[in-house]
Amino acid sequence: MERVAQDEVVVVTIRNAPRAVLLSSERYEALVAAEAAVLPTLTREFDELFARMQDPAVRAGTRRGFQADGVTMGKAAHAVAHRRGK
């Protein structure tokens, strides 16, 4: 516990396999806060992506992509690769 109190992380093992981790309450609180900050960021990014997908031109392009046959998709992939220099 002294090592944990000095902000060290202690891994508890059973038969040489990690089973638990001991860490200071300060480090635990920082990890929880960091994890909590991820959800709003992911939500914002998803909302922005979803809004872009609602653009009529993007929706039409997506619909054409899902309706395209293999030959058409192959030609489109080849054209994109050629434009990118691959």
C-alpha atoms as a PDB file:
ATOM      1  CA  MET A   1       0.000   0.000   0.000  1.00  0.00           C
ATOM      2  CA  GLU A   2       2.932   2.347   0.618  1.00  0.00           C
ATOM      3  CA  ARG A   3       3.999   1.981  -3.021  1.00  0.00           C
ATOM      4  CA  VAL A   4       0.453   2.683  -4.184  1.00  0.00           C
ATOM      5  CA  ALA A   5       0.260   5.715  -1.902  1.00  0.00           C
ATOM      6  CA  GLN A   6       3.410   7.018  -3.616  1.00  0.00           C
ATOM      7  CA  ASP A   7       1.518   6.842  -6.957  1.00  0.00           C
ATOM      8  CA  GLU A   8       2.999   3.559  -8.098  1.00  0.00           C
ATOM      9  CA  VAL A   9       0.798   0.998  -9.815  1.00  0.00           C
ATOM     10  CA  VAL A  10       0.897  -2.504  -8.382  1.00  0.00           C
ATOM     11  CA  VAL A  11      -0.269  -5.455 -10.481  1.00  0.00           C
ATOM     12  CA  VAL A  12      -1.729  -8.379  -8.547  1.00  0.00           C
ATOM     13  CA  THR A  13      -1.164 -11.724 -10.228  1.00  0.00           C
ATOM     14  CA  ILE A  14      -2.435 -15.248  -9.733  1.00  0.00           C
ATOM     15  CA  ARG A  15      -0.191 -17.938 -11.176  1.00  0.00           C
ATOM     16  CA  ASN A  16       1.775 -15.241 -13.038  1.00  0.00           C
ATOM     17  CA  ALA A  17      -1.352 -13.892 -14.762  1.00  0.00           C
ATOM     18  CA  PRO A  18      -2.412 -10.282 -14.070  1.00  0.00           C
ATOM     19  CA  ARG A  19      -5.740 -10.299 -12.210  1.00  0.00           C
ATOM     20  CA  ALA A  20      -6.052  -6.857 -10.608  1.00  0.00           C
ATOM     21  CA  VAL A  21      -4.339  -3.494 -10.360  1.00  0.00           C
ATOM     22  CA  LEU A  22      -3.884  -1.317  -7.300  1.00  0.00           C
ATOM     23  CA  LEU A  23      -3.486   2.391  -7.875  1.00  0.00           C
ATOM     24  CA  SER A  24      -3.875   5.588  -5.920  1.00  0.00           C
ATOM     25  CA  SER A  25      -7.295   7.158  -5.641  1.00  0.00           C
ATOM     26  CA  GLU A  26      -5.938  10.238  -7.417  1.00  0.00           C
ATOM     27  CA  ARG A  27      -4.820   8.176 -10.403  1.00  0.00           C
ATOM     28  CA  TYR A  28      -8.139   6.301 -10.402  1.00  0.00           C
ATOM     29  CA  GLU A  29     -10.101   9.568 -10.397  1.00  0.00           C
ATOM     30  CA  ALA A  30      -7.965  10.895 -13.272  1.00  0.00           C
ATOM     31  CA  LEU A  31      -8.645   7.743 -15.296  1.00  0.00           C
ATOM     32  CA  VAL A  32     -12.385   7.952 -14.641  1.00  0.00           C
ATOM     33  CA  ALA A  33     -12.432  11.637 -15.617  1.00  0.00           C
ATOM     34  CA  ALA A  34     -10.480  10.941 -18.813  1.00  0.00           C
ATOM     35  CA  GLU A  35     -12.845   8.119 -19.723  1.00  0.00           C
ATOM     36  CA  ALA A  36     -15.870  10.331 -19.074  1.00  0.00           C
ATOM     37  CA  ALA A  37     -14.438  12.990 -21.409  1.00  0.00           C
ATOM     38  CA  VAL A  38     -14.272  10.515 -24.307  1.00  0.00           C
ATOM     39  CA  LEU A  39     -18.032  10.020 -24.660  1.00  0.00           C
ATOM     40  CA  PRO A  40     -18.894  13.679 -25.362  1.00  0.00           C
ATOM     41  CA  THR A  41     -16.091  13.830 -27.942  1.00  0.00           C
ATOM     42  CA  LEU A  42     -17.297  10.672 -29.687  1.00  0.00           C
ATOM     43  CA  THR A  43     -20.884  11.924 -29.563  1.00  0.00           C
ATOM     44  CA  ARG A  44     -19.892  15.246 -31.153  1.00  0.00           C
ATOM     45  CA  GLU A  45     -17.865  13.513 -33.883  1.00  0.00           C
ATOM     46  CA  PHE A  46     -20.731  11.118 -34.629  1.00  0.00           C
ATOM     47  CA  ASP A  47     -23.236  13.982 -34.788  1.00  0.00           C
ATOM     48  CA  GLU A  48     -20.991  15.908 -37.201  1.00  0.00           C
ATOM     49  CA  LEU A  49     -20.549  12.834 -39.408  1.00  0.00           C
ATOM     50  CA  PHE A  50     -24.267  12.101 -39.347  1.00  0.00           C
ATOM     51  CA  ALA A  51     -25.052  15.715 -40.315  1.00  0.00           C
ATOM     52  CA  ARG A  52     -22.669  15.489 -43.295  1.00  0.00           C
ATOM     53  CA  MET A  53     -24.316  12.240 -44.345  1.00  0.00           C
ATOM     54  CA  GLN A  54     -27.682  14.018 -44.502  1.00  0.00           C
ATOM     55  CA  ASP A  55     -26.500  16.242 -47.349  1.00  0.00           C
ATOM     56  CA  PRO A  56     -28.617  15.317 -50.396  1.00  0.00           C
ATOM     57  CA  ALA A  57     -25.579  14.790 -52.650  1.00  0.00           C
ATOM     58  CA  VAL A  58     -23.901  12.492 -50.112  1.00  0.00           C
ATOM     59  CA  ARG A  59     -27.120  10.549 -49.573  1.00  0.00           C
ATOM     60  CA  ALA A  60     -27.551  10.096 -53.321  1.00  0.00           C
ATOM     61  CA  GLY A  61     -23.945   8.955 -53.713  1.00  0.00           C
ATOM     62  CA  THR A  62     -24.307   6.492 -50.849  1.00  0.00           C
ATOM     63  CA  ARG A  63     -27.497   5.113 -52.371  1.00  0.00           C
ATOM     64  CA  ARG A  64     -25.769   4.708 -55.764  1.00  0.00           C
ATOM     65  CA  GLY A  65     -22.875   2.916 -54.061  1.00  0.00           C
ATOM     66  CA  PHE A  66     -25.136   0.406 -52.362  1.00  0.00           C
ATOM     67  CA  GLN A  67     -27.058  -0.208 -55.583  1.00  0.00           C
ATOM     68  CA  ALA A  68     -23.974  -0.560 -57.815  1.00  0.00           C
ATOM     69  CA  ASP A  69     -22.921  -3.912 -59.195  1.00  0.00           C
ATOM     70  CA  GLY A  70     -19.433  -5.379 -58.817  1.00  0.00           C
ATOM     71  CA  VAL A  71     -18.173  -4.155 -62.186  1.00  0.00           C
ATOM     72  CA  THR A  72     -19.226  -0.588 -61.449  1.00  0.00           C
ATOM     73  CA  MET A  73     -17.657  -0.707 -57.970  1.00  0.00           C
ATOM     74  CA  GLY A  74     -14.430  -2.106 -59.446  1.00  0.00           C
ATOM     75  CA  LYS A  75     -14.239   0.694 -62.003  1.00  0.00           C
ATOM     76  CA  ALA A  76     -14.860   3.304 -59.320  1.00  0.00           C
ATOM     77  CA  ALA A  77     -12.171   1.821 -57.061  1.00  0.00           C
ATOM     78  CA  HIS A  78      -9.720   1.744 -59.955  1.00  0.00           C
ATOM     79  CA  ALA A  79     -10.460   5.385 -60.815  1.00  0.00           C
ATOM     80  CA  VAL A  80      -9.902   6.499 -57.205  1.00  0.00           C
ATOM     81  CA  ALA A  81      -6.653   4.519 -56.939  1.00  0.00           C
ATOM     82  CA  HIS A  82      -5.458   5.989 -60.242  1.00  0.00           C
ATOM     83  CA  ARG A  83      -6.220   9.553 -59.051  1.00  0.00           C
ATOM     84  CA  ARG A  84      -4.232   8.889 -55.868  1.00  0.00           C
ATOM     85  CA  GLY A  85      -1.280   7.583 -57.852  1.00  0.00           C
ATOM     86  CA  LYS A  86      -1.477   3.989 -56.724  1.00  0.00           C
END
